[in-house]
């Protein structure tokens, strides 16, 4: 072997010995890991009822609270919010299915209004036209035990023809709701100009 190769092999061996020495020193001087406190294991033979008794039960709401929730319909604003999004999202090629799906939330007066709209639009439809609506805000304008008026602020996207760039605009939808039994139904809906 030539001297050059011997020198290279010697450096490699010395490097390995140094690495082993550093690794050994690190392993011997490293700090001991903190020991975790022992947690007792659950007894799987413990009867289920004893475990259930240990769970803290929340108290039932007071009758005053229940009555107050019935008087003030917390879900009414949410219903108006969701209705506005679906009512404002449709296309002439989708068969206005969104509007048909909402009929369970409408009074007969509103159903007639929607049916008239879809009939008129189907007769005049040619090129593709569609709307996508996102509800942004909702607020009570009027409220009584049997009637409510809610304004829903929306952002609307109007697609026409084969355009990939919709016209974007903001429009408020005013909803008139009536109480029918225990449910609230949409009686009228008007897009503000």
Protein backbone atom coordinates (compact mmCIF):
# COMPACT_ATOMS: atom_id res chain seq x y z
CA UNK A 1 0.00 0.00 0.00
CA UNK A 2 1.20 3.38 -0.65
CA UNK A 3 1.74 5.97 2.09
CA UNK A 4 -1.04 8.20 0.98
CA UNK A 5 -3.64 5.45 1.48
CA UNK A 6 -2.13 4.59 4.88
CA UNK A 7 -2.47 8.22 6.02
CA UNK A 8 -6.13 8.36 4.89
CA UNK A 9 -6.96 5.09 6.68
CA UNK A 10 -5.19 6.36 9.81
CA UNK A 11 -7.24 9.59 9.79
CA UNK A 12 -10.47 7.63 9.33
CA UNK A 13 -9.63 5.31 12.23
CA UNK A 14 -8.65 8.23 14.47
CA UNK A 15 -11.92 10.00 13.52
CA UNK A 16 -13.96 6.91 14.43
CA UNK A 17 -12.18 6.56 17.76
CA UNK A 18 -12.82 10.25 18.55
CA UNK A 19 -16.53 9.89 17.61
CA UNK A 20 -16.86 6.79 19.81
CA UNK A 21 -15.18 8.57 22.69
CA UNK A 22 -17.44 11.63 22.39
CA UNK A 23 -20.53 9.41 22.17
CA UNK A 24 -19.47 7.42 25.23
CA UNK A 25 -18.78 10.57 27.27
CA UNK A 26 -22.16 12.05 26.25
CA UNK A 27 -23.98 8.84 27.18
CA UNK A 28 -22.31 8.66 30.59
CA UNK A 29 -22.83 12.35 31.46
CA UNK A 30 -26.37 12.86 30.18
CA UNK A 31 -28.95 13.87 32.82
CA UNK A 32 -31.34 11.29 34.17
CA UNK A 33 -34.88 11.68 32.75
CA UNK A 34 -37.42 12.95 35.25
CA UNK A 35 -39.51 10.11 36.51
CA UNK A 36 -43.24 10.39 35.99
CA UNK A 37 -45.51 9.93 38.98
CA UNK A 38 -47.22 6.59 38.98
CA UNK A 39 -50.93 6.72 38.22
CA UNK A 40 -53.07 3.98 39.55
CA UNK A 41 -54.77 1.97 36.83
CA UNK A 42 -58.53 1.83 36.77
CA UNK A 43 -60.00 -1.33 38.18
CA UNK A 44 -61.83 -2.96 35.31
CA UNK A 45 -63.71 -5.14 37.75
CA UNK A 46 -65.31 -2.12 39.45
CA UNK A 47 -69.07 -2.08 38.91
CA UNK A 48 -70.31 0.37 36.24
CA UNK A 49 -72.83 2.06 38.50
CA UNK A 50 -70.12 3.24 40.90
CA UNK A 51 -68.33 4.92 38.00
CA UNK A 52 -71.56 6.54 36.80
CA UNK A 53 -72.23 7.86 40.30
CA UNK A 54 -68.88 9.65 40.20
CA UNK A 55 -69.84 11.69 37.10
CA UNK A 56 -71.11 15.13 38.03
CA UNK A 57 -74.51 15.84 36.51
CA UNK A 58 -75.42 19.35 35.41
CA UNK A 59 -78.50 20.75 37.09
CA UNK A 60 -81.67 20.95 35.02
CA UNK A 61 -82.54 24.44 33.72
CA UNK A 62 -85.02 26.40 35.77
CA UNK A 63 -88.62 26.78 34.57
CA UNK A 64 -88.03 30.53 34.19
CA UNK A 65 -85.16 29.86 31.81
CA UNK A 66 -87.19 27.38 29.77
CA UNK A 67 -90.09 29.85 29.50
CA UNK A 68 -87.74 32.65 28.47
CA UNK A 69 -86.24 30.49 25.72
CA UNK A 70 -89.70 29.72 24.37
CA UNK A 71 -90.56 33.43 24.26
CA UNK A 72 -87.33 34.43 22.52
CA UNK A 73 -86.59 32.10 19.62
CA UNK A 74 -82.81 31.84 19.57
CA UNK A 75 -82.96 29.60 16.53
CA UNK A 76 -85.14 32.01 14.52
CA UNK A 77 -82.20 34.19 13.42
CA UNK A 78 -80.29 31.06 12.45
CA UNK A 79 -83.28 29.76 10.49
CA UNK A 80 -83.48 33.08 8.62
CA UNK A 81 -79.72 32.96 7.98
CA UNK A 82 -79.85 29.46 6.48
CA UNK A 83 -83.06 30.16 4.55
CA UNK A 84 -81.50 33.25 2.92
CA UNK A 85 -78.48 31.29 1.71
CA UNK A 86 -80.56 28.55 0.13
CA UNK A 87 -83.30 30.86 -1.15
CA UNK A 88 -80.73 33.06 -2.84
CA UNK A 89 -78.72 30.20 -4.39
CA UNK A 90 -80.20 28.66 -7.52
CA UNK A 91 -79.71 28.25 -11.25
CA UNK A 92 -81.99 27.78 -14.21
CA UNK A 93 -80.18 24.55 -15.11
CA UNK A 94 -80.50 23.10 -11.61
CA UNK A 95 -84.28 23.00 -11.83
CA UNK A 96 -84.59 25.38 -8.85
CA UNK A 97 -84.23 22.37 -6.54
CA UNK A 98 -82.97 24.61 -3.70
CA UNK A 99 -86.25 26.50 -3.70
CA UNK A 100 -88.33 23.31 -3.78
CA UNK A 101 -86.35 21.93 -0.82
CA UNK A 102 -87.27 25.00 1.25
CA UNK A 103 -91.03 24.54 0.92
CA UNK A 104 -91.29 22.82 4.31
CA UNK A 105 -90.14 26.11 5.88
CA UNK A 106 -92.71 28.23 4.01
CA UNK A 107 -96.36 29.15 4.38
CA UNK A 108 -98.69 28.42 1.44
CA UNK A 109 -98.48 32.11 0.49
CA UNK A 110 -94.70 31.91 0.16
CA UNK A 111 -94.89 28.57 -1.67
CA UNK A 112 -97.17 30.21 -4.27
CA UNK A 113 -94.70 33.11 -4.64
CA UNK A 114 -91.81 30.66 -5.23
CA UNK A 115 -93.86 28.56 -7.67
CA UNK A 116 -94.78 31.68 -9.68
CA UNK A 117 -91.12 32.76 -9.79
CA UNK A 118 -89.84 29.38 -10.97
CA UNK A 119 -92.58 29.07 -13.61
CA UNK A 120 -91.84 32.55 -15.01
CA UNK A 121 -88.09 31.97 -15.01
CA UNK A 122 -88.32 28.53 -16.64
CA UNK A 123 -90.35 30.01 -19.49
CA UNK A 124 -87.81 32.76 -20.14
CA UNK A 125 -84.61 30.82 -19.49
CA UNK A 126 -82.13 30.49 -22.30
CA UNK A 127 -78.47 30.77 -21.39
CA UNK A 128 -77.18 29.62 -18.04
CA UNK A 129 -77.95 31.92 -15.15
CA UNK A 130 -77.27 31.19 -11.51
CA UNK A 131 -76.81 32.79 -8.11
CA UNK A 132 -74.72 31.75 -5.16
CA UNK A 133 -75.58 33.52 -1.91
CA UNK A 134 -73.73 33.71 1.40
CA UNK A 135 -75.49 35.13 4.44
CA UNK A 136 -73.29 37.49 6.42
CA UNK A 137 -75.51 39.07 9.09
CA UNK A 138 -79.02 38.79 10.46
CA UNK A 139 -81.00 41.01 12.79
CA UNK A 140 -84.54 41.24 14.15
CA UNK A 141 -86.43 44.26 12.83
CA UNK A 142 -89.70 43.31 14.55
CA UNK A 143 -90.69 40.52 16.89
CA UNK A 144 -93.87 39.39 18.62
CA UNK A 145 -95.14 36.04 19.83
CA UNK A 146 -96.68 35.22 16.44
CA UNK A 147 -94.82 37.36 13.86
CA UNK A 148 -91.24 38.36 13.18
CA UNK A 149 -89.38 40.43 10.63
CA UNK A 150 -85.73 39.61 10.07
CA UNK A 151 -83.20 41.30 7.79
CA UNK A 152 -80.38 39.14 6.44
CA UNK A 153 -77.35 40.80 4.85
CA UNK A 154 -75.92 38.70 2.04
CA UNK A 155 -73.10 38.59 -0.47
CA UNK A 156 -74.31 37.31 -3.84
CA UNK A 157 -72.49 35.96 -6.87
CA UNK A 158 -74.34 36.22 -10.20
CA UNK A 159 -73.16 33.85 -12.95
CA UNK A 160 -74.41 34.36 -16.48
CA UNK A 161 -73.65 32.43 -19.66
CA UNK A 162 -70.28 30.74 -19.67
CA UNK A 163 -68.53 33.47 -17.70
CA UNK A 164 -66.21 32.18 -15.00
CA UNK A 165 -66.10 35.62 -13.35
CA UNK A 166 -69.32 36.31 -11.48
CA UNK A 167 -70.76 39.71 -10.70
CA UNK A 168 -70.40 40.14 -6.93
CA UNK A 169 -72.79 42.36 -5.02
CA UNK A 170 -74.31 42.80 -1.56
CA UNK A 171 -78.04 42.62 -1.01
CA UNK A 172 -80.36 42.45 2.00
CA UNK A 173 -83.20 39.96 2.19
CA UNK A 174 -86.16 40.89 4.39
CA UNK A 175 -88.06 37.90 5.74
CA UNK A 176 -91.50 37.97 7.32
CA UNK A 177 -92.13 34.95 9.51
CA UNK A 178 -95.29 33.71 11.21
CA UNK A 179 -95.66 31.17 13.97
CA UNK A 180 -97.54 28.07 12.82
CA UNK A 181 -98.06 25.83 15.84
CA UNK A 182 -94.62 25.44 17.41
CA UNK A 183 -92.75 26.24 14.19
CA UNK A 184 -91.83 29.46 12.45
CA UNK A 185 -92.61 29.61 8.72
CA UNK A 186 -91.43 32.09 6.11
CA UNK A 187 -94.50 34.04 4.94
CA UNK A 188 -92.83 36.61 2.68
CA UNK A 189 -89.33 37.29 1.37
CA UNK A 190 -88.19 40.44 -0.44
CA UNK A 191 -84.78 41.29 -1.85
CA UNK A 192 -83.96 44.92 -1.17
CA UNK A 193 -82.94 46.93 -4.24
